[in-house]
C-alpha atoms as a PDB file:
ATOM      1  CA  UNK A   1     202.176  54.393 185.880  1.00  0.00           C
ATOM      2  CA  UNK A   2     201.192  50.810 187.473  1.00  0.00           C
ATOM      3  CA  UNK A   3     204.108  49.614 188.877  1.00  0.00           C
ATOM      4  CA  UNK A   4     205.401  45.809 188.322  1.00  0.00           C
ATOM      5  CA  UNK A   5     208.377  45.271 190.806  1.00  0.00           C
ATOM      6  CA  UNK A   6     211.204  46.991 192.380  1.00  0.00           C
ATOM      7  CA  UNK A   7     215.259  46.662 191.866  1.00  0.00           C
ATOM      8  CA  UNK A   8     216.908  48.568 194.855  1.00  0.00           C
ATOM      9  CA  UNK A   9     215.308  52.715 194.503  1.00  0.00           C
ATOM     10  CA  UNK A  10     214.132  52.054 191.519  1.00  0.00           C
ATOM     11  CA  UNK A  11     210.558  50.937 190.449  1.00  0.00           C
ATOM     12  CA  UNK A  12     209.829  49.197 187.071  1.00  0.00           C
ATOM     13  CA  UNK A  13     206.916  50.295 185.438  1.00  0.00           C
ATOM     14  CA  UNK A  14     204.464  47.878 183.455  1.00  0.00           C
ATOM     15  CA  UNK A  15     205.015  51.303 180.950  1.00  0.00           C
ATOM     16  CA  UNK A  16     208.374  50.707 180.818  1.00  0.00           C
ATOM     17  CA  UNK A  17     208.947  47.186 179.827  1.00  0.00           C
ATOM     18  CA  UNK A  18     206.211  47.624 177.158  1.00  0.00           C
ATOM     19  CA  UNK A  19     208.168  50.291 176.068  1.00  0.00           C
ATOM     20  CA  UNK A  20     211.082  48.408 175.889  1.00  0.00           C
ATOM     21  CA  UNK A  21     210.091  44.837 174.346  1.00  0.00           C
ATOM     22  CA  UNK A  22     208.200  46.602 171.509  1.00  0.00           C
ATOM     23  CA  UNK A  23     211.760  48.851 170.850  1.00  0.00           C
ATOM     24  CA  UNK A  24     213.126  45.759 170.788  1.00  0.00           C
ATOM     25  CA  UNK A  25     210.956  43.654 168.135  1.00  0.00           C
ATOM     26  CA  UNK A  26     210.782  47.225 166.398  1.00  0.00           C
ATOM     27  CA  UNK A  27     215.020  46.878 166.079  1.00  0.00           C
ATOM     28  CA  UNK A  28     214.953  43.744 165.128  1.00  0.00           C
ATOM     29  CA  UNK A  29     212.651  43.554 162.961  1.00  0.00           C
ATOM     30  CA  UNK A  30     214.246  45.885 161.091  1.00  0.00           C
ATOM     31  CA  UNK A  31     217.606  45.414 161.236  1.00  0.00           C
ATOM     32  CA  UNK A  32     216.887  42.369 159.792  1.00  0.00           C
ATOM     33  CA  UNK A  33     215.120  43.765 157.030  1.00  0.00           C
ATOM     34  CA  UNK A  34     218.015  46.455 156.294  1.00  0.00           C
ATOM     35  CA  UNK A  35     220.468  43.494 156.265  1.00  0.00           C
ATOM     36  CA  UNK A  36     218.493  41.531 154.059  1.00  0.00           C
ATOM     37  CA  UNK A  37     218.467  44.167 151.124  1.00  0.00           C
ATOM     38  CA  UNK A  38     222.223  45.011 151.464  1.00  0.00           C
ATOM     39  CA  UNK A  39     222.380  48.056 153.832  1.00  0.00           C
ATOM     40  CA  UNK A  40     225.067  48.828 155.966  1.00  0.00           C
ATOM     41  CA  UNK A  41     223.168  48.182 159.813  1.00  0.00           C
ATOM     42  CA  UNK A  42     225.726  49.021 161.970  1.00  0.00           C
ATOM     43  CA  UNK A  43     225.119  52.731 160.603  1.00  0.00           C
ATOM     44  CA  UNK A  44     221.355  53.028 160.323  1.00  0.00           C
ATOM     45  CA  UNK A  45     220.924  51.279 163.869  1.00  0.00           C
ATOM     46  CA  UNK A  46     223.020  54.687 164.961  1.00  0.00           C
ATOM     47  CA  UNK A  47     220.384  56.276 163.589  1.00  0.00           C
ATOM     48  CA  UNK A  48     217.982  54.542 165.374  1.00  0.00           C
ATOM     49  CA  UNK A  49     219.738  55.746 168.544  1.00  0.00           C
ATOM     50  CA  UNK A  50     220.142  59.537 167.197  1.00  0.00           C
ATOM     51  CA  UNK A  51     216.284  59.443 165.901  1.00  0.00           C
ATOM     52  CA  UNK A  52     214.998  58.237 169.630  1.00  0.00           C
ATOM     53  CA  UNK A  53     216.697  60.655 171.054  1.00  0.00           C
ATOM     54  CA  UNK A  54     215.317  63.222 168.833  1.00  0.00           C
ATOM     55  CA  UNK A  55     211.853  62.166 169.060  1.00  0.00           C
ATOM     56  CA  UNK A  56     211.867  62.528 172.795  1.00  0.00           C
ATOM     57  CA  UNK A  57     212.975  65.937 172.769  1.00  0.00           C
ATOM     58  CA  UNK A  58     210.794  66.560 170.128  1.00  0.00           C
ATOM     59  CA  UNK A  59     207.672  64.625 172.644  1.00  0.00           C
ATOM     60  CA  UNK A  60     208.380  66.660 175.114  1.00  0.00           C
ATOM     61  CA  UNK A  61     208.587  70.301 173.383  1.00  0.00           C
ATOM     62  CA  UNK A  62     205.692  69.907 172.015  1.00  0.00           C
ATOM     63  CA  UNK A  63     204.014  68.627 174.630  1.00  0.00           C
ATOM     64  CA  UNK A  64     205.000  71.668 176.592  1.00  0.00           C
ATOM     65  CA  UNK A  65     204.582  74.299 173.900  1.00  0.00           C
ATOM     66  CA  UNK A  66     200.524  73.084 173.075  1.00  0.00           C
ATOM     67  CA  UNK A  67     199.377  71.409 176.341  1.00  0.00           C
ATOM     68  CA  UNK A  68     200.428  73.328 178.678  1.00  0.00           C
ATOM     69  CA  UNK A  69     202.724  76.187 178.361  1.00  0.00           C
ATOM     70  CA  UNK A  70     201.900  78.376 180.788  1.00  0.00           C
ATOM     71  CA  UNK A  71     202.726  75.794 183.588  1.00  0.00           C
ATOM     72  CA  UNK A  72     205.822  75.277 181.742  1.00  0.00           C
ATOM     73  CA  UNK A  73     206.917  78.665 180.936  1.00  0.00           C
ATOM     74  CA  UNK A  74     206.298  79.634 184.986  1.00  0.00           C
ATOM     75  CA  UNK A  75     207.900  76.301 186.262  1.00  0.00           C
ATOM     76  CA  UNK A  76     210.842  75.989 183.246  1.00  0.00           C
ATOM     77  CA  UNK A  77     212.542  73.223 185.393  1.00  0.00           C
ATOM     78  CA  UNK A  78     209.367  71.114 185.183  1.00  0.00           C
ATOM     79  CA  UNK A  79     210.289  70.927 181.179  1.00  0.00           C
ATOM     80  CA  UNK A  80     212.932  68.407 182.260  1.00  0.00           C
ATOM     81  CA  UNK A  81     210.286  65.944 184.547  1.00  0.00           C
ATOM     82  CA  UNK A  82     209.638  64.023 182.077  1.00  0.00           C
ATOM     83  CA  UNK A  83     209.811  60.710 184.407  1.00  0.00           C
ATOM     84  CA  UNK A  84     205.923  62.650 185.734  1.00  0.00           C
ATOM     85  CA  UNK A  85     204.825  62.226 182.434  1.00  0.00           C
ATOM     86  CA  UNK A  86     204.005  64.483 179.180  1.00  0.00           C
ATOM     87  CA  UNK A  87     205.387  63.607 175.816  1.00  0.00           C
ATOM     88  CA  UNK A  88     202.932  63.773 172.852  1.00  0.00           C
ATOM     89  CA  UNK A  89     203.308  61.027 169.807  1.00  0.00           C
ATOM     90  CA  UNK A  90     202.826  63.887 167.069  1.00  0.00           C
ATOM     91  CA  UNK A  91     206.021  65.959 168.752  1.00  0.00           C
ATOM     92  CA  UNK A  92     208.126  62.459 168.969  1.00  0.00           C
ATOM     93  CA  UNK A  93     207.270  61.527 165.243  1.00  0.00           C
ATOM     94  CA  UNK A  94     208.386  64.513 164.211  1.00  0.00           C
ATOM     95  CA  UNK A  95     211.633  64.751 165.888  1.00  0.00           C
ATOM     96  CA  UNK A  96     212.430  61.441 165.166  1.00  0.00           C
ATOM     97  CA  UNK A  97     211.871  62.405 161.602  1.00  0.00           C
ATOM     98  CA  UNK A  98     214.086  65.717 161.223  1.00  0.00           C
ATOM     99  CA  UNK A  99     216.896  63.603 163.234  1.00  0.00           C
ATOM    100  CA  UNK A 100     216.697  60.488 160.877  1.00  0.00           C
ATOM    101  CA  UNK A 101     216.337  62.764 157.520  1.00  0.00           C
ATOM    102  CA  UNK A 102     219.520  64.542 159.028  1.00  0.00           C
ATOM    103  CA  UNK A 103     221.399  61.525 159.459  1.00  0.00           C
ATOM    104  CA  UNK A 104     220.616  59.647 156.383  1.00  0.00           C
ATOM    105  CA  UNK A 105     221.358  62.802 154.344  1.00  0.00           C
ATOM    106  CA  UNK A 106     225.226  62.961 156.021  1.00  0.00           C
ATOM    107  CA  UNK A 107     225.388  59.590 155.451  1.00  0.00           C
ATOM    108  CA  UNK A 108     224.460  59.831 151.694  1.00  0.00           C
ATOM    109  CA  UNK A 109     221.774  57.303 152.374  1.00  0.00           C
ATOM    110  CA  UNK A 110     218.361  56.728 150.369  1.00  0.00           C
ATOM    111  CA  UNK A 111     216.054  58.724 152.331  1.00  0.00           C
ATOM    112  CA  UNK A 112     212.849  56.602 151.597  1.00  0.00           C
ATOM    113  CA  UNK A 113     213.929  53.482 150.977  1.00  0.00           C
ATOM    114  CA  UNK A 114     214.919  53.481 154.604  1.00  0.00           C
ATOM    115  CA  UNK A 115     212.060  54.793 155.786  1.00  0.00           C
ATOM    116  CA  UNK A 116     209.691  52.647 153.860  1.00  0.00           C
ATOM    117  CA  UNK A 117     211.579  50.233 155.303  1.00  0.00           C
ATOM    118  CA  UNK A 118     211.684  51.244 159.004  1.00  0.00           C
ATOM    119  CA  UNK A 119     207.672  52.221 158.751  1.00  0.00           C
ATOM    120  CA  UNK A 120     206.957  48.666 159.279  1.00  0.00           C
ATOM    121  CA  UNK A 121     209.088  48.150 162.288  1.00  0.00           C
ATOM    122  CA  UNK A 122     208.087  51.316 163.618  1.00  0.00           C
ATOM    123  CA  UNK A 123     204.246  50.558 164.135  1.00  0.00           C
ATOM    124  CA  UNK A 124     204.474  47.672 165.641  1.00  0.00           C
ATOM    125  CA  UNK A 125     206.943  48.931 168.473  1.00  0.00           C
ATOM    126  CA  UNK A 126     204.227  51.477 169.082  1.00  0.00           C
ATOM    127  CA  UNK A 127     201.391  49.166 168.900  1.00  0.00           C
ATOM    128  CA  UNK A 128     203.208  47.145 171.335  1.00  0.00           C
ATOM    129  CA  UNK A 129     204.135  49.923 173.885  1.00  0.00           C
ATOM    130  CA  UNK A 130     200.749  51.448 173.582  1.00  0.00           C
ATOM    131  CA  UNK A 131     200.212  48.220 175.327  1.00  0.00           C
ATOM    132  CA  UNK A 132     201.600  49.525 178.690  1.00  0.00           C
ATOM    133  CA  UNK A 133     199.690  53.345 178.447  1.00  0.00           C
ATOM    134  CA  UNK A 134     197.938  54.207 181.516  1.00  0.00           C
ATOM    135  CA  UNK A 135     196.546  56.753 179.526  1.00  0.00           C
ATOM    136  CA  UNK A 136     192.835  55.603 180.012  1.00  0.00           C
ATOM    137  CA  UNK A 137     189.771  56.806 177.655  1.00  0.00           C
ATOM    138  CA  UNK A 138     186.462  59.275 179.160  1.00  0.00           C
ATOM    139  CA  UNK A 139     184.022  57.533 180.894  1.00  0.00           C
ATOM    140  CA  UNK A 140     182.038  54.480 179.090  1.00  0.00           C
ATOM    141  CA  UNK A 141     178.824  52.488 180.190  1.00  0.00           C
ATOM    142  CA  UNK A 142     179.998  49.205 183.106  1.00  0.00           C
ATOM    143  CA  UNK A 143     177.714  47.375 180.453  1.00  0.00           C
ATOM    144  CA  UNK A 144     180.108  47.540 177.769  1.00  0.00           C
ATOM    145  CA  UNK A 145     181.590  43.903 178.225  1.00  0.00           C
ATOM    146  CA  UNK A 146     185.262  45.470 177.216  1.00  0.00           C
ATOM    147  CA  UNK A 147     185.684  48.939 179.610  1.00  0.00           C
ATOM    148  CA  UNK A 148     188.894  49.349 181.712  1.00  0.00           C
ATOM    149  CA  UNK A 149     187.318  50.189 185.878  1.00  0.00           C
ATOM    150  CA  UNK A 150     190.057  52.431 186.535  1.00  0.00           C
ATOM    151  CA  UNK A 151     189.396  54.619 189.982  1.00  0.00           C
ATOM    152  CA  UNK A 152     185.907  52.990 190.304  1.00  0.00           C
ATOM    153  CA  UNK A 153     184.959  54.794 187.167  1.00  0.00           C
ATOM    154  CA  UNK A 154     184.515  52.445 183.897  1.00  0.00           C
ATOM    155  CA  UNK A 155     187.190  54.153 180.628  1.00  0.00           C
ATOM    156  CA  UNK A 156     187.372  53.919 177.431  1.00  0.00           C
ATOM    157  CA  UNK A 157     190.676  50.876 176.705  1.00  0.00           C
ATOM    158  CA  UNK A 158     191.818  54.093 174.350  1.00  0.00           C
ATOM    159  CA  UNK A 159     194.765  51.899 174.250  1.00  0.00           C
ATOM    160  CA  UNK A 160     193.449  48.752 172.679  1.00  0.00           C
ATOM    161  CA  UNK A 161     192.040  50.338 170.593  1.00  0.00           C
ATOM    162  CA  UNK A 162     194.928  52.109 169.150  1.00  0.00           C
ATOM    163  CA  UNK A 163     197.182  48.671 169.499  1.00  0.00           C
ATOM    164  CA  UNK A 164     194.224  46.675 167.532  1.00  0.00           C
ATOM    165  CA  UNK A 165     194.414  49.594 164.895  1.00  0.00           C
ATOM    166  CA  UNK A 166     197.805  49.705 165.086  1.00  0.00           C
ATOM    167  CA  UNK A 167     198.371  46.444 164.276  1.00  0.00           C
ATOM    168  CA  UNK A 168     196.605  46.197 161.398  1.00  0.00           C
ATOM    169  CA  UNK A 169     197.855  49.014 159.909  1.00  0.00           C
ATOM    170  CA  UNK A 170     201.204  47.160 160.155  1.00  0.00           C
ATOM    171  CA  UNK A 171     200.176  44.201 158.133  1.00  0.00           C
ATOM    172  CA  UNK A 172     199.206  46.334 155.479  1.00  0.00           C
ATOM    173  CA  UNK A 173     202.457  48.023 155.735  1.00  0.00           C
ATOM    174  CA  UNK A 174     204.594  44.946 155.773  1.00  0.00           C
ATOM    175  CA  UNK A 175     202.835  43.570 152.950  1.00  0.00           C
ATOM    176  CA  UNK A 176     203.045  46.755 150.351  1.00  0.00           C
ATOM    177  CA  UNK A 177     206.830  46.570 151.862  1.00  0.00           C
ATOM    178  CA  UNK A 178     207.229  43.565 149.736  1.00  0.00           C
ATOM    179  CA  UNK A 179     205.164  45.184 146.743  1.00  0.00           C
ATOM    180  CA  UNK A 180     205.806  48.699 146.677  1.00  0.00           C
ATOM    181  CA  UNK A 181     204.733  51.048 143.486  1.00  0.00           C
ATOM    182  CA  UNK A 182     207.250  54.267 144.539  1.00  0.00           C
ATOM    183  CA  UNK A 183     209.906  54.479 146.973  1.00  0.00           C
ATOM    184  CA  UNK A 184     208.279  56.297 150.330  1.00  0.00           C
ATOM    185  CA  UNK A 185     204.993  54.491 149.914  1.00  0.00           C
ATOM    186  CA  UNK A 186     205.504  52.658 152.865  1.00  0.00           C
ATOM    187  CA  UNK A 187     206.668  56.113 154.617  1.00  0.00           C
ATOM    188  CA  UNK A 188     203.648  58.061 153.540  1.00  0.00           C
ATOM    189  CA  UNK A 189     201.098  55.404 153.981  1.00  0.00           C
ATOM    190  CA  UNK A 190     202.353  54.743 157.778  1.00  0.00           C
ATOM    191  CA  UNK A 191     202.295  58.784 158.417  1.00  0.00           C
ATOM    192  CA  UNK A 192     198.442  59.104 156.828  1.00  0.00           C
ATOM    193  CA  UNK A 193     197.696  56.193 158.404  1.00  0.00           C
ATOM    194  CA  UNK A 194     198.626  56.502 161.696  1.00  0.00           C
ATOM    195  CA  UNK A 195     197.409  60.100 162.204  1.00  0.00           C
ATOM    196  CA  UNK A 196     194.299  58.515 161.125  1.00  0.00           C
ATOM    197  CA  UNK A 197     194.420  55.743 163.682  1.00  0.00           C
ATOM    198  CA  UNK A 198     195.351  58.399 166.216  1.00  0.00           C
ATOM    199  CA  UNK A 199     192.137  61.491 165.284  1.00  0.00           C
ATOM    200  CA  UNK A 200     189.831  58.003 165.602  1.00  0.00           C
ATOM    201  CA  UNK A 201     191.342  57.346 169.157  1.00  0.00           C
ATOM    202  CA  UNK A 202     191.139  60.797 170.431  1.00  0.00           C
ATOM    203  CA  UNK A 203     187.492  60.588 170.193  1.00  0.00           C
ATOM    204  CA  UNK A 204     187.350  57.955 172.957  1.00  0.00           C
ATOM    205  CA  UNK A 205     189.894  60.637 174.856  1.00  0.00           C
ATOM    206  CA  UNK A 206     189.387  63.931 176.958  1.00  0.00           C
ATOM    207  CA  UNK A 207     191.570  66.436 175.543  1.00  0.00           C
ATOM    208  CA  UNK A 208     191.490  70.320 175.331  1.00  0.00           C
ATOM    209  CA  UNK A 209     188.891  70.944 172.846  1.00  0.00           C
ATOM    210  CA  UNK A 210     189.525  73.481 169.701  1.00  0.00           C
ATOM    211  CA  UNK A 211     186.507  73.381 167.807  1.00  0.00           C
ATOM    212  CA  UNK A 212     183.320  71.433 168.515  1.00  0.00           C
ATOM    213  CA  UNK A 213     184.578  67.868 168.851  1.00  0.00           C
ATOM    214  CA  UNK A 214     188.200  68.713 167.453  1.00  0.00           C
ATOM    215  CA  UNK A 215     191.089  68.070 169.732  1.00  0.00           C
ATOM    216  CA  UNK A 216     194.633  69.357 169.938  1.00  0.00           C
ATOM    217  CA  UNK A 217     195.912  66.484 168.981  1.00  0.00           C
ATOM    218  CA  UNK A 218     192.437  66.019 166.151  1.00  0.00           C
ATOM    219  CA  UNK A 219     194.428  69.545 164.569  1.00  0.00           C
ATOM    220  CA  UNK A 220     197.890  68.263 164.829  1.00  0.00           C
ATOM    221  CA  UNK A 221     196.888  64.885 162.918  1.00  0.00           C
ATOM    222  CA  UNK A 222     194.811  66.746 160.304  1.00  0.00           C
ATOM    223  CA  UNK A 223     197.992  69.086 159.269  1.00  0.00           C
ATOM    224  CA  UNK A 224     199.893  66.006 159.183  1.00  0.00           C
ATOM    225  CA  UNK A 225     197.511  63.993 157.212  1.00  0.00           C
ATOM    226  CA  UNK A 226     197.922  66.588 154.780  1.00  0.00           C
ATOM    227  CA  UNK A 227     201.378  66.549 154.645  1.00  0.00           C
ATOM    228  CA  UNK A 228     201.414  62.698 154.091  1.00  0.00           C
ATOM    229  CA  UNK A 229     199.173  63.042 150.788  1.00  0.00           C
ATOM    230  CA  UNK A 230     200.847  66.011 149.405  1.00  0.00           C
ATOM    231  CA  UNK A 231     204.597  64.216 149.897  1.00  0.00           C
ATOM    232  CA  UNK A 232     202.600  60.973 148.457  1.00  0.00           C
ATOM    233  CA  UNK A 233     200.948  62.327 145.907  1.00  0.00           C
ATOM    234  CA  UNK A 234     204.405  64.333 144.659  1.00  0.00           C
ATOM    235  CA  UNK A 235     206.532  60.990 145.451  1.00  0.00           C
ATOM    236  CA  UNK A 236     204.158  58.821 143.220  1.00  0.00           C
ATOM    237  CA  UNK A 237     204.408  61.530 140.361  1.00  0.00           C
ATOM    238  CA  UNK A 238     207.849  61.407 140.089  1.00  0.00           C
ATOM    239  CA  UNK A 239     208.960  58.041 140.091  1.00  0.00           C
ATOM    240  CA  UNK A 240     208.532  55.446 137.555  1.00  0.00           C
ATOM    241  CA  UNK A 241     205.748  52.962 138.448  1.00  0.00           C
ATOM    242  CA  UNK A 242     207.557  49.630 140.279  1.00  0.00           C
ATOM    243  CA  UNK A 243     205.814  46.432 140.695  1.00  0.00           C
ATOM    244  CA  UNK A 244     201.889  45.774 140.751  1.00  0.00           C
ATOM    245  CA  UNK A 245     200.495  46.318 144.197  1.00  0.00           C
ATOM    246  CA  UNK A 246     198.622  43.126 144.295  1.00  0.00           C
ATOM    247  CA  UNK A 247     199.455  41.192 147.695  1.00  0.00           C
ATOM    248  CA  UNK A 248     200.977  37.527 147.104  1.00  0.00           C
ATOM    249  CA  UNK A 249     198.129  35.316 149.272  1.00  0.00           C
ATOM    250  CA  UNK A 250     200.519  32.759 150.475  1.00  0.00           C
ATOM    251  CA  UNK A 251     201.927  36.584 152.200  1.00  0.00           C
ATOM    252  CA  UNK A 252     198.672  37.628 152.628  1.00  0.00           C
ATOM    253  CA  UNK A 253     197.496  34.880 154.779  1.00  0.00           C
ATOM    254  CA  UNK A 254     200.549  34.622 156.751  1.00  0.00           C
ATOM    255  CA  UNK A 255     200.363  37.859 157.813  1.00  0.00           C
ATOM    256  CA  UNK A 256     196.980  37.846 158.754  1.00  0.00           C
ATOM    257  CA  UNK A 257     197.097  35.481 161.320  1.00  0.00           C
ATOM    258  CA  UNK A 258     200.489  37.254 162.731  1.00  0.00           C
ATOM    259  CA  UNK A 259     198.433  40.619 163.613  1.00  0.00           C
ATOM    260  CA  UNK A 260     195.667  37.832 164.649  1.00  0.00           C
ATOM    261  CA  UNK A 261     197.749  36.498 166.898  1.00  0.00           C
ATOM    262  CA  UNK A 262     199.482  40.453 168.218  1.00  0.00           C
ATOM    263  CA  UNK A 263     196.419  41.358 168.679  1.00  0.00           C
ATOM    264  CA  UNK A 264     194.609  38.317 170.986  1.00  0.00           C
ATOM    265  CA  UNK A 265     197.596  38.213 173.223  1.00  0.00           C
ATOM    266  CA  UNK A 266     197.934  42.154 173.799  1.00  0.00           C
ATOM    267  CA  UNK A 267     194.766  41.640 174.425  1.00  0.00           C
ATOM    268  CA  UNK A 268     195.278  39.033 176.672  1.00  0.00           C
ATOM    269  CA  UNK A 269     198.457  41.626 178.696  1.00  0.00           C
ATOM    270  CA  UNK A 270     196.419  44.430 178.598  1.00  0.00           C
ATOM    271  CA  UNK A 271     193.867  43.190 180.519  1.00  0.00           C
ATOM    272  CA  UNK A 272     195.364  41.025 182.905  1.00  0.00           C
ATOM    273  CA  UNK A 273     197.723  43.681 183.658  1.00  0.00           C
ATOM    274  CA  UNK A 274     195.328  47.474 183.509  1.00  0.00           C
ATOM    275  CA  UNK A 275     192.158  45.455 184.135  1.00  0.00           C
END
């Protein structure tokens, strides 16, 4: 990880800064939306905290069980060494969703209405956080101008691929949140959309392969996409159709400009630090 500065004996890393910025912006956006829609934001902030813990635990467990189980079973104390890296985004989503589901059910809050509101904030936070990630892609020709030089090699800027696609998904989800056809539509489209993005970006990275060009991450993404599709079909068939799916022209323009600004600023920050 790329160190930025020290505070006494502690080193502050670029990835940690970007995670904090992404989480804060996502949280503020979520709070604004739940307050605007009349929900108790204090209860939901507690839910976010618990879901975050669930996400971290899930991300670590899936990484340990799927990516390198033999090492961690031989060295069980290393499972706790999260600061050395080793988190699975698929496990993070799964763990966070399980805890969030339990929390919302316990407080008798409308599950899919809350998940719909959370989805744009979540993908925005993921996109911003990805700017600081130090997991680059595979080798790339040095003649391609967008490559990142790292340890004498030119590599795919996999993080940039992902945050650009995440921002585009954010723009769509933000517009869809204003004109949903059924409760759960925004959330299921987030789940499907992000896992498609993760699968696309995976082709630029180097991970253990299980079948031809498909990696372990691809398999988990495919399973998640299938779950999202089934859930989307079920929710659509069991609810009365809501608003028109057409987006307001003014909202479309404003959102497009915002996404373009996000992409431009993020690329400048990414290449100025990671490059």
